[in-house]
Amino acid sequence: MPIADGKTKILLLRVGDKRQGVVGLFQPGLAGEQSPGLSVRFMGISRNAISSYLISLYCSLAIQTEDALAVLDDVEVGKFHDYPDTYK
């Protein structure tokens, strides 16, 4: 997200299925699948003996409830306060 006049936008996500947040969806069974949603395909070798591969990541997001996603507008990026980590 762009920064203009020392301000930007911040995207807030609550993640996880148990918390009814945002979860990632991956397509299983891809050709050349290396991990969920990650496909690596050999494309060939050039005259200079350089191997080429096509690496693709197929994933989508599912937002389970409408309050799992929010945007903060006009956030000043020049100010920072370090809060203690007390979330459990």
PDB file of N, CA and C in Angstrom:
ATOM      1  N   MET A   1       0.848  -1.163   0.000  1.00  0.00           N
ATOM      2  CA  MET A   1       0.000   0.000   0.000  1.00  0.00           C
ATOM      3  C   MET A   1       0.897   1.230   0.000  1.00  0.00           C
ATOM      4  N   PRO A   2       0.562   2.202  -0.795  1.00  0.00           N
ATOM      5  CA  PRO A   2       1.443   3.364  -0.931  1.00  0.00           C
ATOM      6  C   PRO A   2       1.446   4.249   0.320  1.00  0.00           C
ATOM      7  N   ILE A   3       2.575   4.943   0.507  1.00  0.00           N
ATOM      8  CA  ILE A   3       2.701   5.925   1.583  1.00  0.00           C
ATOM      9  C   ILE A   3       2.665   7.307   0.947  1.00  0.00           C
ATOM     10  N   ALA A   4       1.749   8.167   1.407  1.00  0.00           N
ATOM     11  CA  ALA A   4       1.631   9.538   0.894  1.00  0.00           C
ATOM     12  C   ALA A   4       1.511  10.483   2.084  1.00  0.00           C
ATOM     13  N   ASP A   5       2.362  11.509   2.123  1.00  0.00           N
ATOM     14  CA  ASP A   5       2.363  12.488   3.211  1.00  0.00           C
ATOM     15  C   ASP A   5       2.562  11.828   4.568  1.00  0.00           C
ATOM     16  N   GLY A   6       3.366  10.771   4.638  1.00  0.00           N
ATOM     17  CA  GLY A   6       3.638  10.077   5.892  1.00  0.00           C
ATOM     18  C   GLY A   6       2.495   9.233   6.407  1.00  0.00           C
ATOM     19  N   LYS A   7       1.490   8.979   5.560  1.00  0.00           N
ATOM     20  CA  LYS A   7       0.335   8.180   5.970  1.00  0.00           C
ATOM     21  C   LYS A   7       0.094   7.054   4.972  1.00  0.00           C
ATOM     22  N   THR A   8      -0.509   5.977   5.453  1.00  0.00           N
ATOM     23  CA  THR A   8      -0.819   4.832   4.609  1.00  0.00           C
ATOM     24  C   THR A   8      -2.079   4.148   5.134  1.00  0.00           C
ATOM     25  N   LYS A   9      -2.401   3.028   4.540  1.00  0.00           N
ATOM     26  CA  LYS A   9      -3.507   2.202   5.003  1.00  0.00           C
ATOM     27  C   LYS A   9      -2.925   0.896   5.530  1.00  0.00           C
ATOM     28  N   ILE A  10      -3.589   0.306   6.511  1.00  0.00           N
ATOM     29  CA  ILE A  10      -3.154  -0.971   7.064  1.00  0.00           C
ATOM     30  C   ILE A  10      -4.322  -1.940   6.974  1.00  0.00           C
ATOM     31  N   LEU A  11      -4.040  -3.120   6.469  1.00  0.00           N
ATOM     32  CA  LEU A  11      -5.042  -4.171   6.349  1.00  0.00           C
ATOM     33  C   LEU A  11      -4.956  -5.066   7.581  1.00  0.00           C
ATOM     34  N   LEU A  12      -6.063  -5.228   8.278  1.00  0.00           N
ATOM     35  CA  LEU A  12      -6.115  -6.057   9.482  1.00  0.00           C
ATOM     36  C   LEU A  12      -6.855  -7.350   9.172  1.00  0.00           C
ATOM     37  N   LEU A  13      -6.253  -8.470   9.536  1.00  0.00           N
ATOM     38  CA  LEU A  13      -6.858  -9.780   9.313  1.00  0.00           C
ATOM     39  C   LEU A  13      -6.883 -10.566  10.613  1.00  0.00           C
ATOM     40  N   ARG A  14      -8.002 -11.169  10.922  1.00  0.00           N
ATOM     41  CA  ARG A  14      -8.052 -12.182  11.977  1.00  0.00           C
ATOM     42  C   ARG A  14      -7.980 -13.512  11.243  1.00  0.00           C
ATOM     43  N   VAL A  15      -6.968 -14.287  11.553  1.00  0.00           N
ATOM     44  CA  VAL A  15      -6.739 -15.510  10.785  1.00  0.00           C
ATOM     45  C   VAL A  15      -7.088 -16.742  11.600  1.00  0.00           C
ATOM     46  N   GLY A  16      -7.397 -17.799  10.905  1.00  0.00           N
ATOM     47  CA  GLY A  16      -7.630 -19.090  11.533  1.00  0.00           C
ATOM     48  C   GLY A  16      -9.072 -19.536  11.483  1.00  0.00           C
ATOM     49  N   ASP A  17      -9.227 -20.830  11.307  1.00  0.00           N
ATOM     50  CA  ASP A  17     -10.553 -21.430  11.225  1.00  0.00           C
ATOM     51  C   ASP A  17     -11.255 -21.420  12.582  1.00  0.00           C
ATOM     52  N   LYS A  18     -10.518 -21.697  13.650  1.00  0.00           N
ATOM     53  CA  LYS A  18     -11.117 -21.728  14.983  1.00  0.00           C
ATOM     54  C   LYS A  18     -11.619 -20.353  15.423  1.00  0.00           C
ATOM     55  N   ARG A  19     -10.981 -19.290  14.942  1.00  0.00           N
ATOM     56  CA  ARG A  19     -11.360 -17.925  15.321  1.00  0.00           C
ATOM     57  C   ARG A  19     -12.316 -17.297  14.308  1.00  0.00           C
ATOM     58  N   GLN A  20     -12.826 -18.086  13.382  1.00  0.00           N
ATOM     59  CA  GLN A  20     -13.730 -17.631  12.319  1.00  0.00           C
ATOM     60  C   GLN A  20     -13.155 -16.421  11.587  1.00  0.00           C
ATOM     61  N   GLY A  21     -11.914 -16.580  11.168  1.00  0.00           N
ATOM     62  CA  GLY A  21     -11.215 -15.493  10.502  1.00  0.00           C
ATOM     63  C   GLY A  21     -11.010 -15.776   9.029  1.00  0.00           C
ATOM     64  N   VAL A  22      -9.847 -15.384   8.539  1.00  0.00           N
ATOM     65  CA  VAL A  22      -9.469 -15.561   7.142  1.00  0.00           C
ATOM     66  C   VAL A  22      -8.607 -16.819   7.040  1.00  0.00           C
ATOM     67  N   VAL A  23      -8.941 -17.694   6.109  1.00  0.00           N
ATOM     68  CA  VAL A  23      -8.182 -18.928   5.908  1.00  0.00           C
ATOM     69  C   VAL A  23      -7.749 -19.033   4.450  1.00  0.00           C
ATOM     70  N   GLY A  24      -6.633 -19.722   4.229  1.00  0.00           N
ATOM     71  CA  GLY A  24      -6.136 -19.946   2.882  1.00  0.00           C
ATOM     72  C   GLY A  24      -6.691 -21.241   2.318  1.00  0.00           C
ATOM     73  N   LEU A  25      -7.017 -21.214   1.043  1.00  0.00           N
ATOM     74  CA  LEU A  25      -7.528 -22.395   0.346  1.00  0.00           C
ATOM     75  C   LEU A  25      -6.538 -22.766  -0.751  1.00  0.00           C
ATOM     76  N   PHE A  26      -6.147 -24.020  -0.791  1.00  0.00           N
ATOM     77  CA  PHE A  26      -5.183 -24.486  -1.781  1.00  0.00           C
ATOM     78  C   PHE A  26      -5.798 -25.595  -2.614  1.00  0.00           C
ATOM     79  N   GLN A  27      -5.472 -25.585  -3.906  1.00  0.00           N
ATOM     80  CA  GLN A  27      -5.996 -26.596  -4.811  1.00  0.00           C
ATOM     81  C   GLN A  27      -5.119 -27.838  -4.740  1.00  0.00           C
ATOM     82  N   PRO A  28      -5.686 -28.987  -4.365  1.00  0.00           N
ATOM     83  CA  PRO A  28      -4.881 -30.215  -4.292  1.00  0.00           C
ATOM     84  C   PRO A  28      -4.733 -30.868  -5.666  1.00  0.00           C
ATOM     85  N   GLY A  29      -3.714 -31.699  -5.796  1.00  0.00           N
ATOM     86  CA  GLY A  29      -3.537 -32.513  -6.992  1.00  0.00           C
ATOM     87  C   GLY A  29      -3.052 -31.774  -8.218  1.00  0.00           C
ATOM     88  N   LEU A  30      -2.255 -30.732  -8.049  1.00  0.00           N
ATOM     89  CA  LEU A  30      -1.719 -29.991  -9.197  1.00  0.00           C
ATOM     90  C   LEU A  30      -0.607 -30.785  -9.870  1.00  0.00           C
ATOM     91  N   ALA A  31      -0.431 -30.577 -11.166  1.00  0.00           N
ATOM     92  CA  ALA A  31       0.681 -31.202 -11.879  1.00  0.00           C
ATOM     93  C   ALA A  31       1.986 -30.615 -11.356  1.00  0.00           C
ATOM     94  N   GLY A  32       2.925 -31.449 -10.975  1.00  0.00           N
ATOM     95  CA  GLY A  32       4.204 -30.992 -10.450  1.00  0.00           C
ATOM     96  C   GLY A  32       4.113 -30.406  -9.051  1.00  0.00           C
ATOM     97  N   GLU A  33       3.108 -30.829  -8.293  1.00  0.00           N
ATOM     98  CA  GLU A  33       2.879 -30.250  -6.963  1.00  0.00           C
ATOM     99  C   GLU A  33       4.032 -30.581  -6.007  1.00  0.00           C
ATOM    100  N   GLN A  34       4.575 -29.551  -5.359  1.00  0.00           N
ATOM    101  CA  GLN A  34       5.658 -29.714  -4.392  1.00  0.00           C
ATOM    102  C   GLN A  34       5.152 -29.596  -2.958  1.00  0.00           C
ATOM    103  N   SER A  35       4.157 -28.757  -2.740  1.00  0.00           N
ATOM    104  CA  SER A  35       3.483 -28.584  -1.458  1.00  0.00           C
ATOM    105  C   SER A  35       2.079 -28.077  -1.789  1.00  0.00           C
ATOM    106  N   PRO A  36       1.188 -27.971  -0.814  1.00  0.00           N
ATOM    107  CA  PRO A  36      -0.191 -27.568  -1.141  1.00  0.00           C
ATOM    108  C   PRO A  36      -0.246 -26.258  -1.943  1.00  0.00           C
ATOM    109  N   GLY A  37      -0.762 -26.343  -3.150  1.00  0.00           N
ATOM    110  CA  GLY A  37      -0.935 -25.178  -4.005  1.00  0.00           C
ATOM    111  C   GLY A  37       0.303 -24.723  -4.760  1.00  0.00           C
ATOM    112  N   LEU A  38       1.474 -25.325  -4.509  1.00  0.00           N
ATOM    113  CA  LEU A  38       2.724 -24.919  -5.157  1.00  0.00           C
ATOM    114  C   LEU A  38       3.095 -25.922  -6.243  1.00  0.00           C
ATOM    115  N   SER A  39       3.158 -25.433  -7.468  1.00  0.00           N
ATOM    116  CA  SER A  39       3.463 -26.282  -8.618  1.00  0.00           C
ATOM    117  C   SER A  39       4.776 -25.826  -9.250  1.00  0.00           C
ATOM    118  N   VAL A  40       5.654 -26.780  -9.550  1.00  0.00           N
ATOM    119  CA  VAL A  40       6.922 -26.494 -10.226  1.00  0.00           C
ATOM    120  C   VAL A  40       6.967 -27.350 -11.484  1.00  0.00           C
ATOM    121  N   ARG A  41       7.100 -26.690 -12.635  1.00  0.00           N
ATOM    122  CA  ARG A  41       7.143 -27.406 -13.923  1.00  0.00           C
ATOM    123  C   ARG A  41       8.426 -27.074 -14.667  1.00  0.00           C
ATOM    124  N   PHE A  42       9.074 -28.094 -15.178  1.00  0.00           N
ATOM    125  CA  PHE A  42      10.272 -27.912 -15.991  1.00  0.00           C
ATOM    126  C   PHE A  42       9.855 -27.401 -17.363  1.00  0.00           C
ATOM    127  N   MET A  43      10.471 -26.293 -17.815  1.00  0.00           N
ATOM    128  CA  MET A  43      10.097 -25.676 -19.087  1.00  0.00           C
ATOM    129  C   MET A  43      11.104 -25.958 -20.206  1.00  0.00           C
ATOM    130  N   GLY A  44      12.300 -26.398 -19.843  1.00  0.00           N
ATOM    131  CA  GLY A  44      13.288 -26.714 -20.876  1.00  0.00           C
ATOM    132  C   GLY A  44      14.664 -26.178 -20.533  1.00  0.00           C
ATOM    133  N   ILE A  45      15.601 -26.443 -21.462  1.00  0.00           N
ATOM    134  CA  ILE A  45      16.976 -25.995 -21.295  1.00  0.00           C
ATOM    135  C   ILE A  45      17.343 -25.140 -22.501  1.00  0.00           C
ATOM    136  N   SER A  46      17.942 -23.987 -22.260  1.00  0.00           N
ATOM    137  CA  SER A  46      18.308 -23.070 -23.348  1.00  0.00           C
ATOM    138  C   SER A  46      19.604 -23.515 -24.020  1.00  0.00           C
ATOM    139  N   ARG A  47      19.994 -22.803 -25.085  1.00  0.00           N
ATOM    140  CA  ARG A  47      21.247 -23.103 -25.781  1.00  0.00           C
ATOM    141  C   ARG A  47      22.456 -22.902 -24.874  1.00  0.00           C
ATOM    142  N   ASN A  48      22.292 -22.049 -23.851  1.00  0.00           N
ATOM    143  CA  ASN A  48      23.383 -21.769 -22.914  1.00  0.00           C
ATOM    144  C   ASN A  48      23.359 -22.712 -21.710  1.00  0.00           C
ATOM    145  N   ALA A  49      22.603 -23.780 -21.803  1.00  0.00           N
ATOM    146  CA  ALA A  49      22.485 -24.797 -20.754  1.00  0.00           C
ATOM    147  C   ALA A  49      21.871 -24.239 -19.476  1.00  0.00           C
ATOM    148  N   ILE A  50      20.925 -23.309 -19.634  1.00  0.00           N
ATOM    149  CA  ILE A  50      20.206 -22.753 -18.493  1.00  0.00           C
ATOM    150  C   ILE A  50      18.832 -23.401 -18.426  1.00  0.00           C
ATOM    151  N   SER A  51      18.550 -24.014 -17.287  1.00  0.00           N
ATOM    152  CA  SER A  51      17.251 -24.662 -17.087  1.00  0.00           C
ATOM    153  C   SER A  51      16.211 -23.625 -16.719  1.00  0.00           C
ATOM    154  N   SER A  52      14.996 -23.805 -17.235  1.00  0.00           N
ATOM    155  CA  SER A  52      13.889 -22.907 -16.921  1.00  0.00           C
ATOM    156  C   SER A  52      12.772 -23.693 -16.254  1.00  0.00           C
ATOM    157  N   TYR A  53      12.215 -23.097 -15.219  1.00  0.00           N
ATOM    158  CA  TYR A  53      11.109 -23.703 -14.487  1.00  0.00           C
ATOM    159  C   TYR A  53       9.991 -22.675 -14.344  1.00  0.00           C
ATOM    160  N   LEU A  54       8.767 -23.132 -14.394  1.00  0.00           N
ATOM    161  CA  LEU A  54       7.602 -22.302 -14.117  1.00  0.00           C
ATOM    162  C   LEU A  54       7.139 -22.648 -12.707  1.00  0.00           C
ATOM    163  N   ILE A  55       7.192 -21.672 -11.822  1.00  0.00           N
ATOM    164  CA  ILE A  55       6.781 -21.868 -10.435  1.00  0.00           C
ATOM    165  C   ILE A  55       5.494 -21.088 -10.226  1.00  0.00           C
ATOM    166  N   SER A  56       4.431 -21.793  -9.823  1.00  0.00           N
ATOM    167  CA  SER A  56       3.119 -21.174  -9.645  1.00  0.00           C
ATOM    168  C   SER A  56       2.569 -21.517  -8.270  1.00  0.00           C
ATOM    169  N   LEU A  57       1.957 -20.533  -7.637  1.00  0.00           N
ATOM    170  CA  LEU A  57       1.280 -20.752  -6.366  1.00  0.00           C
ATOM    171  C   LEU A  57      -0.196 -20.462  -6.579  1.00  0.00           C
ATOM    172  N   TYR A  58      -1.009 -21.469  -6.378  1.00  0.00           N
ATOM    173  CA  TYR A  58      -2.447 -21.341  -6.531  1.00  0.00           C
ATOM    174  C   TYR A  58      -3.073 -21.325  -5.146  1.00  0.00           C
ATOM    175  N   CYS A  59      -3.592 -20.186  -4.741  1.00  0.00           N
ATOM    176  CA  CYS A  59      -4.265 -20.130  -3.449  1.00  0.00           C
ATOM    177  C   CYS A  59      -5.326 -19.034  -3.480  1.00  0.00           C
ATOM    178  N   SER A  60      -6.284 -19.186  -2.619  1.00  0.00           N
ATOM    179  CA  SER A  60      -7.365 -18.210  -2.468  1.00  0.00           C
ATOM    180  C   SER A  60      -7.564 -17.983  -0.981  1.00  0.00           C
ATOM    181  N   LEU A  61      -8.296 -16.935  -0.658  1.00  0.00           N
ATOM    182  CA  LEU A  61      -8.640 -16.653   0.725  1.00  0.00           C
ATOM    183  C   LEU A  61     -10.135 -16.779   0.898  1.00  0.00           C
ATOM    184  N   ALA A  62     -10.543 -17.299   2.031  1.00  0.00           N
ATOM    185  CA  ALA A  62     -11.955 -17.338   2.386  1.00  0.00           C
ATOM    186  C   ALA A  62     -12.124 -16.527   3.666  1.00  0.00           C
ATOM    187  N   ILE A  63     -13.010 -15.554   3.631  1.00  0.00           N
ATOM    188  CA  ILE A  63     -13.302 -14.733   4.800  1.00  0.00           C
ATOM    189  C   ILE A  63     -14.573 -15.289   5.414  1.00  0.00           C
ATOM    190  N   GLN A  64     -14.449 -15.853   6.626  1.00  0.00           N
ATOM    191  CA  GLN A  64     -15.558 -16.581   7.216  1.00  0.00           C
ATOM    192  C   GLN A  64     -16.621 -15.680   7.840  1.00  0.00           C
ATOM    193  N   THR A  65     -16.239 -14.538   8.379  1.00  0.00           N
ATOM    194  CA  THR A  65     -17.207 -13.577   8.914  1.00  0.00           C
ATOM    195  C   THR A  65     -16.789 -12.194   8.460  1.00  0.00           C
ATOM    196  N   GLU A  66     -17.743 -11.295   8.342  1.00  0.00           N
ATOM    197  CA  GLU A  66     -17.413  -9.977   7.790  1.00  0.00           C
ATOM    198  C   GLU A  66     -16.535  -9.136   8.714  1.00  0.00           C
ATOM    199  N   ASP A  67     -16.481  -9.449  10.004  1.00  0.00           N
ATOM    200  CA  ASP A  67     -15.620  -8.673  10.892  1.00  0.00           C
ATOM    201  C   ASP A  67     -14.210  -9.265  11.005  1.00  0.00           C
ATOM    202  N   ALA A  68     -13.863 -10.234  10.167  1.00  0.00           N
ATOM    203  CA  ALA A  68     -12.526 -10.822  10.171  1.00  0.00           C
ATOM    204  C   ALA A  68     -11.538  -9.995   9.356  1.00  0.00           C
ATOM    205  N   LEU A  69     -12.016  -8.961   8.698  1.00  0.00           N
ATOM    206  CA  LEU A  69     -11.194  -8.148   7.806  1.00  0.00           C
ATOM    207  C   LEU A  69     -11.538  -6.687   8.006  1.00  0.00           C
ATOM    208  N   ALA A  70     -10.512  -5.829   8.109  1.00  0.00           N
ATOM    209  CA  ALA A  70     -10.744  -4.395   8.286  1.00  0.00           C
ATOM    210  C   ALA A  70      -9.596  -3.617   7.668  1.00  0.00           C
ATOM    211  N   VAL A  71      -9.826  -2.341   7.377  1.00  0.00           N
ATOM    212  CA  VAL A  71      -8.807  -1.454   6.837  1.00  0.00           C
ATOM    213  C   VAL A  71      -8.731  -0.213   7.717  1.00  0.00           C
ATOM    214  N   LEU A  72      -7.516   0.132   8.142  1.00  0.00           N
ATOM    215  CA  LEU A  72      -7.293   1.377   8.860  1.00  0.00           C
ATOM    216  C   LEU A  72      -6.809   2.411   7.853  1.00  0.00           C
ATOM    217  N   ASP A  73      -7.481   3.550   7.770  1.00  0.00           N
ATOM    218  CA  ASP A  73      -7.098   4.621   6.854  1.00  0.00           C
ATOM    219  C   ASP A  73      -6.282   5.684   7.579  1.00  0.00           C
ATOM    220  N   ASP A  74      -5.444   6.389   6.828  1.00  0.00           N
ATOM    221  CA  ASP A  74      -4.664   7.533   7.321  1.00  0.00           C
ATOM    222  C   ASP A  74      -3.830   7.199   8.555  1.00  0.00           C
ATOM    223  N   VAL A  75      -3.081   6.109   8.496  1.00  0.00           N
ATOM    224  CA  VAL A  75      -2.211   5.704   9.593  1.00  0.00           C
ATOM    225  C   VAL A  75      -0.866   6.395   9.429  1.00  0.00           C
ATOM    226  N   GLU A  76      -0.419   7.104  10.464  1.00  0.00           N
ATOM    227  CA  GLU A  76       0.880   7.770  10.412  1.00  0.00           C
ATOM    228  C   GLU A  76       1.977   6.733  10.604  1.00  0.00           C
ATOM    229  N   VAL A  77       2.904   6.679   9.656  1.00  0.00           N
ATOM    230  CA  VAL A  77       3.954   5.666   9.712  1.00  0.00           C
ATOM    231  C   VAL A  77       5.199   6.182  10.428  1.00  0.00           C
ATOM    232  N   GLY A  78       5.260   7.461  10.759  1.00  0.00           N
ATOM    233  CA  GLY A  78       6.425   8.021  11.432  1.00  0.00           C
ATOM    234  C   GLY A  78       6.410   7.844  12.933  1.00  0.00           C
ATOM    235  N   LYS A  79       5.277   7.432  13.506  1.00  0.00           N
ATOM    236  CA  LYS A  79       5.173   7.251  14.956  1.00  0.00           C
ATOM    237  C   LYS A  79       5.040   5.764  15.262  1.00  0.00           C
ATOM    238  N   PHE A  80       5.705   5.351  16.345  1.00  0.00           N
ATOM    239  CA  PHE A  80       5.698   3.940  16.692  1.00  0.00           C
ATOM    240  C   PHE A  80       5.739   3.802  18.203  1.00  0.00           C
ATOM    241  N   HIS A  81       4.951   2.899  18.740  1.00  0.00           N
ATOM    242  CA  HIS A  81       4.987   2.584  20.161  1.00  0.00           C
ATOM    243  C   HIS A  81       5.048   1.074  20.311  1.00  0.00           C
ATOM    244  N   ASP A  82       5.998   0.604  21.103  1.00  0.00           N
ATOM    245  CA  ASP A  82       6.188  -0.829  21.289  1.00  0.00           C
ATOM    246  C   ASP A  82       5.383  -1.293  22.485  1.00  0.00           C
ATOM    247  N   TYR A  83       4.273  -1.985  22.216  1.00  0.00           N
ATOM    248  CA  TYR A  83       3.429  -2.528  23.275  1.00  0.00           C
ATOM    249  C   TYR A  83       3.941  -3.889  23.698  1.00  0.00           C
ATOM    250  N   PRO A  84       3.802  -4.247  24.979  1.00  0.00           N
ATOM    251  CA  PRO A  84       4.223  -5.585  25.408  1.00  0.00           C
ATOM    252  C   PRO A  84       3.317  -6.659  24.802  1.00  0.00           C
ATOM    253  N   ASP A  85       3.904  -7.797  24.501  1.00  0.00           N
ATOM    254  CA  ASP A  85       3.151  -8.899  23.904  1.00  0.00           C
ATOM    255  C   ASP A  85       2.409  -9.663  25.014  1.00  0.00           C
ATOM    256  N   THR A  86       1.120  -9.419  25.150  1.00  0.00           N
ATOM    257  CA  THR A  86       0.344 -10.084  26.195  1.00  0.00           C
ATOM    258  C   THR A  86      -0.779 -10.918  25.634  1.00  0.00           C
ATOM    259  N   TYR A  87      -0.881 -11.023  24.288  1.00  0.00           N
ATOM    260  CA  TYR A  87      -1.958 -11.792  23.655  1.00  0.00           C
ATOM    261  C   TYR A  87      -1.696 -13.282  23.823  1.00  0.00           C
ATOM    262  N   LYS A  88      -2.741 -14.023  24.165  1.00  0.00           N
ATOM    263  CA  LYS A  88      -2.610 -15.479  24.305  1.00  0.00           C
ATOM    264  C   LYS A  88      -3.614 -16.179  23.437  1.00  0.00           C
TER     265      LYS A  88
END
